[in-house]
PDB file of all heavy atoms in Angstrom:
ATOM      1  N   ALA A   1      -4.769  -1.348   7.119  1.00  0.00           N
ATOM      2  CA  ALA A   1      -4.802  -2.771   6.787  1.00  0.00           C
ATOM      3  C   ALA A   1      -3.977  -3.065   5.534  1.00  0.00           C
ATOM      4  O   ALA A   1      -3.184  -4.021   5.495  1.00  0.00           O
ATOM      5  CB  ALA A   1      -6.248  -3.225   6.601  1.00  0.00           C
ATOM      6  N   LEU A   2      -4.130  -2.234   4.495  1.00  0.00           N
ATOM      7  CA  LEU A   2      -3.370  -2.455   3.272  1.00  0.00           C
ATOM      8  C   LEU A   2      -1.890  -2.120   3.468  1.00  0.00           C
ATOM      9  O   LEU A   2      -1.021  -2.791   2.907  1.00  0.00           O
ATOM     10  CB  LEU A   2      -3.957  -1.617   2.140  1.00  0.00           C
ATOM     11  CG  LEU A   2      -5.380  -1.980   1.711  1.00  0.00           C
ATOM     12  CD1 LEU A   2      -5.822  -1.134   0.525  1.00  0.00           C
ATOM     13  CD2 LEU A   2      -5.496  -3.456   1.378  1.00  0.00           C
ATOM     14  N   THR A   3      -1.608  -1.086   4.257  1.00  0.00           N
ATOM     15  CA  THR A   3      -0.208  -0.770   4.553  1.00  0.00           C
ATOM     16  C   THR A   3       0.467  -1.912   5.288  1.00  0.00           C
ATOM     17  O   THR A   3       1.641  -2.225   5.063  1.00  0.00           O
ATOM     18  CB  THR A   3      -0.126   0.520   5.385  1.00  0.00           C
ATOM     19  OG1 THR A   3      -0.761   1.578   4.676  1.00  0.00           O
ATOM     20  CG2 THR A   3       1.326   0.896   5.660  1.00  0.00           C
ATOM     21  N   TRP A   4      -0.305  -2.561   6.167  1.00  0.00           N
ATOM     22  CA  TRP A   4       0.230  -3.703   6.912  1.00  0.00           C
ATOM     23  C   TRP A   4       0.611  -4.835   5.964  1.00  0.00           C
ATOM     24  O   TRP A   4       1.660  -5.458   6.105  1.00  0.00           O
ATOM     25  CB  TRP A   4      -0.830  -4.172   7.901  1.00  0.00           C
ATOM     26  CG  TRP A   4      -0.346  -5.133   8.933  1.00  0.00           C
ATOM     27  CD1 TRP A   4      -0.684  -6.442   9.065  1.00  0.00           C
ATOM     28  CD2 TRP A   4       0.549  -4.851  10.006  1.00  0.00           C
ATOM     29  NE1 TRP A   4      -0.053  -7.002  10.142  1.00  0.00           N
ATOM     30  CE2 TRP A   4       0.716  -6.046  10.738  1.00  0.00           C
ATOM     31  CE3 TRP A   4       1.239  -3.723  10.415  1.00  0.00           C
ATOM     32  CZ2 TRP A   4       1.532  -6.133  11.851  1.00  0.00           C
ATOM     33  CZ3 TRP A   4       2.049  -3.805  11.528  1.00  0.00           C
ATOM     34  CH2 TRP A   4       2.183  -4.996  12.228  1.00  0.00           C
ATOM     35  N   VAL A   5      -0.239  -5.092   4.975  1.00  0.00           N
ATOM     36  CA  VAL A   5       0.060  -6.128   3.984  1.00  0.00           C
ATOM     37  C   VAL A   5       1.336  -5.779   3.225  1.00  0.00           C
ATOM     38  O   VAL A   5       2.225  -6.620   3.039  1.00  0.00           O
ATOM     39  CB  VAL A   5      -1.125  -6.295   3.008  1.00  0.00           C
ATOM     40  CG1 VAL A   5      -0.739  -7.211   1.857  1.00  0.00           C
ATOM     41  CG2 VAL A   5      -2.335  -6.858   3.732  1.00  0.00           C
ATOM     42  N   ILE A   6       1.453  -4.515   2.788  1.00  0.00           N
ATOM     43  CA  ILE A   6       2.618  -4.105   2.017  1.00  0.00           C
ATOM     44  C   ILE A   6       3.882  -4.165   2.871  1.00  0.00           C
ATOM     45  O   ILE A   6       4.928  -4.658   2.438  1.00  0.00           O
ATOM     46  CB  ILE A   6       2.402  -2.681   1.462  1.00  0.00           C
ATOM     47  CG1 ILE A   6       1.251  -2.683   0.446  1.00  0.00           C
ATOM     48  CG2 ILE A   6       3.674  -2.148   0.821  1.00  0.00           C
ATOM     49  CD1 ILE A   6       0.871  -1.301  -0.045  1.00  0.00           C
ATOM     50  N   ALA A   7       3.789  -3.672   4.115  1.00  0.00           N
ATOM     51  CA  ALA A   7       4.971  -3.626   4.971  1.00  0.00           C
ATOM     52  C   ALA A   7       5.470  -5.017   5.315  1.00  0.00           C
ATOM     53  O   ALA A   7       6.681  -5.242   5.408  1.00  0.00           O
ATOM     54  CB  ALA A   7       4.654  -2.850   6.249  1.00  0.00           C
ATOM     55  N   ARG A   8       4.561  -5.949   5.498  1.00  0.00           N
ATOM     56  CA  ARG A   8       4.973  -7.300   5.878  1.00  0.00           C
ATOM     57  C   ARG A   8       5.655  -8.032   4.732  1.00  0.00           C
ATOM     58  O   ARG A   8       6.433  -8.956   4.943  1.00  0.00           O
ATOM     59  CB  ARG A   8       3.754  -8.105   6.344  1.00  0.00           C
ATOM     60  CG  ARG A   8       3.163  -7.622   7.645  1.00  0.00           C
ATOM     61  CD  ARG A   8       3.977  -8.097   8.833  1.00  0.00           C
ATOM     62  NE  ARG A   8       3.830  -9.511   9.046  1.00  0.00           N
ATOM     63  CZ  ARG A   8       2.949 -10.062   9.870  1.00  0.00           C
ATOM     64  NH1 ARG A   8       2.124  -9.301  10.538  1.00  0.00           N
ATOM     65  NH2 ARG A   8       2.886 -11.370  10.017  1.00  0.00           N
ATOM     66  N   HIS A   9       5.352  -7.639   3.494  1.00  0.00           N
ATOM     67  CA  HIS A   9       5.920  -8.335   2.339  1.00  0.00           C
ATOM     68  C   HIS A   9       7.055  -7.570   1.664  1.00  0.00           C
ATOM     69  O   HIS A   9       7.860  -8.165   0.968  1.00  0.00           O
ATOM     70  CB  HIS A   9       4.839  -8.616   1.304  1.00  0.00           C
ATOM     71  CG  HIS A   9       3.848  -9.643   1.723  1.00  0.00           C
ATOM     72  ND1 HIS A   9       4.200 -10.930   2.043  1.00  0.00           N
ATOM     73  CD2 HIS A   9       2.519  -9.584   1.891  1.00  0.00           C
ATOM     74  CE1 HIS A   9       3.135 -11.617   2.384  1.00  0.00           C
ATOM     75  NE2 HIS A   9       2.105 -10.822   2.310  1.00  0.00           N
ATOM     76  N   GLY A  10       7.083  -6.272   1.841  1.00  0.00           N
ATOM     77  CA  GLY A  10       8.123  -5.478   1.197  1.00  0.00           C
ATOM     78  C   GLY A  10       7.528  -4.450   0.257  1.00  0.00           C
ATOM     79  O   GLY A  10       6.762  -4.791  -0.655  1.00  0.00           O
ATOM     80  N   MET A  11       7.877  -3.194   0.463  1.00  0.00           N
ATOM     81  CA  MET A  11       7.308  -2.109  -0.326  1.00  0.00           C
ATOM     82  C   MET A  11       7.687  -2.225  -1.807  1.00  0.00           C
ATOM     83  O   MET A  11       6.882  -1.953  -2.695  1.00  0.00           O
ATOM     84  CB  MET A  11       7.784  -0.767   0.246  1.00  0.00           C
ATOM     85  CG  MET A  11       7.307   0.447  -0.526  1.00  0.00           C
ATOM     86  SD  MET A  11       5.506   0.643  -0.447  1.00  0.00           S
ATOM     87  CE  MET A  11       5.340   1.215   1.239  1.00  0.00           C
ATOM     88  N   ARG A  12       8.907  -2.645  -2.092  1.00  0.00           N
ATOM     89  CA  ARG A  12       9.361  -2.651  -3.490  1.00  0.00           C
ATOM     90  C   ARG A  12       8.607  -3.648  -4.339  1.00  0.00           C
ATOM     91  O   ARG A  12       8.432  -3.444  -5.537  1.00  0.00           O
ATOM     92  CB  ARG A  12      10.858  -2.953  -3.540  1.00  0.00           C
ATOM     93  CG  ARG A  12      11.732  -1.866  -2.931  1.00  0.00           C
ATOM     94  CD  ARG A  12      13.205  -2.204  -3.056  1.00  0.00           C
ATOM     95  NE  ARG A  12      14.058  -1.152  -2.507  1.00  0.00           N
ATOM     96  CZ  ARG A  12      15.374  -1.207  -2.476  1.00  0.00           C
ATOM     97  NH1 ARG A  12      15.999  -2.277  -2.990  1.00  0.00           N
ATOM     98  NH2 ARG A  12      16.078  -0.217  -1.956  1.00  0.00           N
ATOM     99  N   SER A  13       8.191  -4.748  -3.745  1.00  0.00           N
ATOM    100  CA  SER A  13       7.545  -5.788  -4.542  1.00  0.00           C
ATOM    101  C   SER A  13       6.030  -5.609  -4.639  1.00  0.00           C
ATOM    102  O   SER A  13       5.385  -6.338  -5.375  1.00  0.00           O
ATOM    103  CB  SER A  13       7.845  -7.165  -3.932  1.00  0.00           C
ATOM    104  OG  SER A  13       7.393  -7.225  -2.590  1.00  0.00           O
ATOM    105  N   ALA A  14       5.471  -4.661  -3.897  1.00  0.00           N
ATOM    106  CA  ALA A  14       4.020  -4.458  -3.929  1.00  0.00           C
ATOM    107  C   ALA A  14       3.618  -3.787  -5.237  1.00  0.00           C
ATOM    108  O   ALA A  14       4.332  -2.927  -5.754  1.00  0.00           O
ATOM    109  CB  ALA A  14       3.579  -3.608  -2.747  1.00  0.00           C
ATOM    110  N   PRO A  15       2.475  -4.163  -5.814  1.00  0.00           N
ATOM    111  CA  PRO A  15       2.028  -3.521  -7.058  1.00  0.00           C
ATOM    112  C   PRO A  15       1.712  -2.049  -6.834  1.00  0.00           C
ATOM    113  O   PRO A  15       1.271  -1.641  -5.758  1.00  0.00           O
ATOM    114  CB  PRO A  15       0.775  -4.325  -7.434  1.00  0.00           C
ATOM    115  CG  PRO A  15       0.327  -4.970  -6.169  1.00  0.00           C
ATOM    116  CD  PRO A  15       1.560  -5.218  -5.365  1.00  0.00           C
ATOM    117  N   GLY A  16       1.899  -1.253  -7.889  1.00  0.00           N
ATOM    118  CA  GLY A  16       1.689   0.183  -7.782  1.00  0.00           C
ATOM    119  C   GLY A  16       0.272   0.570  -7.461  1.00  0.00           C
ATOM    120  O   GLY A  16       0.023   1.534  -6.722  1.00  0.00           O
ATOM    121  N   TRP A  17      -0.700  -0.177  -7.997  1.00  0.00           N
ATOM    122  CA  TRP A  17      -2.090   0.192  -7.743  1.00  0.00           C
ATOM    123  C   TRP A  17      -2.443   0.064  -6.267  1.00  0.00           C
ATOM    124  O   TRP A  17      -3.245   0.849  -5.739  1.00  0.00           O
ATOM    125  CB  TRP A  17      -3.037  -0.672  -8.584  1.00  0.00           C
ATOM    126  CG  TRP A  17      -2.957  -2.147  -8.328  1.00  0.00           C
ATOM    127  CD1 TRP A  17      -2.224  -3.052  -9.016  1.00  0.00           C
ATOM    128  CD2 TRP A  17      -3.654  -2.881  -7.312  1.00  0.00           C
ATOM    129  NE1 TRP A  17      -2.403  -4.310  -8.499  1.00  0.00           N
ATOM    130  CE2 TRP A  17      -3.283  -4.230  -7.455  1.00  0.00           C
ATOM    131  CE3 TRP A  17      -4.545  -2.534  -6.308  1.00  0.00           C
ATOM    132  CZ2 TRP A  17      -3.770  -5.233  -6.619  1.00  0.00           C
ATOM    133  CZ3 TRP A  17      -5.038  -3.533  -5.468  1.00  0.00           C
ATOM    134  CH2 TRP A  17      -4.649  -4.859  -5.635  1.00  0.00           C
ATOM    135  N   LEU A  18      -1.822  -0.897  -5.589  1.00  0.00           N
ATOM    136  CA  LEU A  18      -2.124  -1.081  -4.168  1.00  0.00           C
ATOM    137  C   LEU A  18      -1.560   0.082  -3.354  1.00  0.00           C
ATOM    138  O   LEU A  18      -2.224   0.599  -2.444  1.00  0.00           O
ATOM    139  CB  LEU A  18      -1.536  -2.405  -3.693  1.00  0.00           C
ATOM    140  CG  LEU A  18      -1.919  -2.839  -2.273  1.00  0.00           C
ATOM    141  CD1 LEU A  18      -3.423  -2.980  -2.139  1.00  0.00           C
ATOM    142  CD2 LEU A  18      -1.247  -4.163  -1.933  1.00  0.00           C
ATOM    143  N   ARG A  19      -0.357   0.522  -3.699  1.00  0.00           N
ATOM    144  CA  ARG A  19       0.223   1.659  -2.996  1.00  0.00           C
ATOM    145  C   ARG A  19      -0.579   2.932  -3.265  1.00  0.00           C
ATOM    146  O   ARG A  19      -0.764   3.764  -2.368  1.00  0.00           O
ATOM    147  CB  ARG A  19       1.674   1.842  -3.428  1.00  0.00           C
ATOM    148  CG  ARG A  19       2.614   0.800  -2.844  1.00  0.00           C
ATOM    149  CD  ARG A  19       4.018   0.941  -3.367  1.00  0.00           C
ATOM    150  NE  ARG A  19       4.144   0.441  -4.729  1.00  0.00           N
ATOM    151  CZ  ARG A  19       5.257   0.454  -5.427  1.00  0.00           C
ATOM    152  NH1 ARG A  19       6.353   0.972  -4.898  1.00  0.00           N
ATOM    153  NH2 ARG A  19       5.304  -0.034  -6.642  1.00  0.00           N
ATOM    154  N   ALA A  20      -1.086   3.080  -4.490  1.00  0.00           N
ATOM    155  CA  ALA A  20      -1.885   4.266  -4.813  1.00  0.00           C
ATOM    156  C   ALA A  20      -3.187   4.285  -4.019  1.00  0.00           C
ATOM    157  O   ALA A  20      -3.626   5.336  -3.543  1.00  0.00           O
ATOM    158  CB  ALA A  20      -2.177   4.293  -6.311  1.00  0.00           C
ATOM    159  N   ILE A  21      -3.811   3.132  -3.864  1.00  0.00           N
ATOM    160  CA  ILE A  21      -5.049   3.072  -3.090  1.00  0.00           C
ATOM    161  C   ILE A  21      -4.791   3.457  -1.637  1.00  0.00           C
ATOM    162  O   ILE A  21      -5.591   4.155  -1.004  1.00  0.00           O
ATOM    163  CB  ILE A  21      -5.665   1.664  -3.186  1.00  0.00           C
ATOM    164  CG1 ILE A  21      -6.225   1.438  -4.591  1.00  0.00           C
ATOM    165  CG2 ILE A  21      -6.768   1.474  -2.152  1.00  0.00           C
ATOM    166  CD1 ILE A  21      -6.752   0.051  -4.820  1.00  0.00           C
ATOM    167  N   VAL A  22      -3.673   3.006  -1.089  1.00  0.00           N
ATOM    168  CA  VAL A  22      -3.336   3.374   0.293  1.00  0.00           C
ATOM    169  C   VAL A  22      -3.203   4.889   0.423  1.00  0.00           C
ATOM    170  O   VAL A  22      -3.734   5.496   1.366  1.00  0.00           O
ATOM    171  CB  VAL A  22      -2.032   2.673   0.718  1.00  0.00           C
ATOM    172  CG1 VAL A  22      -1.540   3.222   2.051  1.00  0.00           C
ATOM    173  CG2 VAL A  22      -2.258   1.170   0.832  1.00  0.00           C
ATOM    174  N   VAL A  23      -2.520   5.524  -0.543  1.00  0.00           N
ATOM    175  CA  VAL A  23      -2.366   6.985  -0.506  1.00  0.00           C
ATOM    176  C   VAL A  23      -3.728   7.663  -0.578  1.00  0.00           C
ATOM    177  O   VAL A  23      -4.014   8.615   0.164  1.00  0.00           O
ATOM    178  CB  VAL A  23      -1.461   7.453  -1.655  1.00  0.00           C
ATOM    179  CG1 VAL A  23      -1.424   8.979  -1.723  1.00  0.00           C
ATOM    180  CG2 VAL A  23      -0.050   6.910  -1.471  1.00  0.00           C
ATOM    181  N   GLY A  24      -4.601   7.176  -1.470  1.00  0.00           N
ATOM    182  CA  GLY A  24      -5.927   7.765  -1.587  1.00  0.00           C
ATOM    183  C   GLY A  24      -6.731   7.646  -0.305  1.00  0.00           C
ATOM    184  O   GLY A  24      -7.397   8.598   0.130  1.00  0.00           O
ATOM    185  N   LEU A  25      -6.679   6.483   0.327  1.00  0.00           N
ATOM    186  CA  LEU A  25      -7.424   6.303   1.582  1.00  0.00           C
ATOM    187  C   LEU A  25      -6.873   7.191   2.690  1.00  0.00           C
ATOM    188  O   LEU A  25      -7.636   7.726   3.507  1.00  0.00           O
ATOM    189  CB  LEU A  25      -7.353   4.828   1.997  1.00  0.00           C
ATOM    190  CG  LEU A  25      -8.140   3.850   1.116  1.00  0.00           C
ATOM    191  CD1 LEU A  25      -7.805   2.410   1.497  1.00  0.00           C
ATOM    192  CD2 LEU A  25      -9.638   4.094   1.247  1.00  0.00           C
ATOM    193  N   LEU A  26      -5.559   7.357   2.735  1.00  0.00           N
ATOM    194  CA  LEU A  26      -4.973   8.226   3.749  1.00  0.00           C
ATOM    195  C   LEU A  26      -5.399   9.676   3.545  1.00  0.00           C
ATOM    196  O   LEU A  26      -5.683  10.402   4.515  1.00  0.00           O
ATOM    197  CB  LEU A  26      -3.443   8.114   3.705  1.00  0.00           C
ATOM    198  CG  LEU A  26      -2.857   6.801   4.241  1.00  0.00           C
ATOM    199  CD1 LEU A  26      -1.351   6.769   4.017  1.00  0.00           C
ATOM    200  CD2 LEU A  26      -3.172   6.630   5.724  1.00  0.00           C
ATOM    201  N   ILE A  27      -5.474  10.116   2.290  1.00  0.00           N
ATOM    202  CA  ILE A  27      -5.909  11.487   2.012  1.00  0.00           C
ATOM    203  C   ILE A  27      -7.366  11.666   2.411  1.00  0.00           C
ATOM    204  O   ILE A  27      -7.748  12.674   3.009  1.00  0.00           O
ATOM    205  CB  ILE A  27      -5.695  11.829   0.530  1.00  0.00           C
ATOM    206  CG1 ILE A  27      -4.205  11.855   0.210  1.00  0.00           C
ATOM    207  CG2 ILE A  27      -6.328  13.165   0.185  1.00  0.00           C
ATOM    208  CD1 ILE A  27      -3.882  12.087  -1.244  1.00  0.00           C
ATOM    209  N   GLN A  28      -8.207  10.677   2.092  1.00  0.00           N
ATOM    210  CA  GLN A  28      -9.607  10.767   2.487  1.00  0.00           C
ATOM    211  C   GLN A  28      -9.750  10.827   4.000  1.00  0.00           C
ATOM    212  O   GLN A  28     -10.558  11.586   4.544  1.00  0.00           O
ATOM    213  CB  GLN A  28     -10.390   9.580   1.929  1.00  0.00           C
ATOM    214  CG  GLN A  28     -10.631   9.649   0.447  1.00  0.00           C
ATOM    215  CD  GLN A  28     -11.574   8.572  -0.052  1.00  0.00           C
ATOM    216  OE1 GLN A  28     -11.982   8.595  -1.205  1.00  0.00           O
ATOM    217  NE2 GLN A  28     -11.931   7.645   0.799  1.00  0.00           N
TER     218      GLN A  28
END
């Protein structure tokens, strides 16, 4: 769900904390 939000708007403009949370959820 969060990756979808980031992908629809652009990875470069997404805040770093949001990308970090996505990585953490994927690892879990």
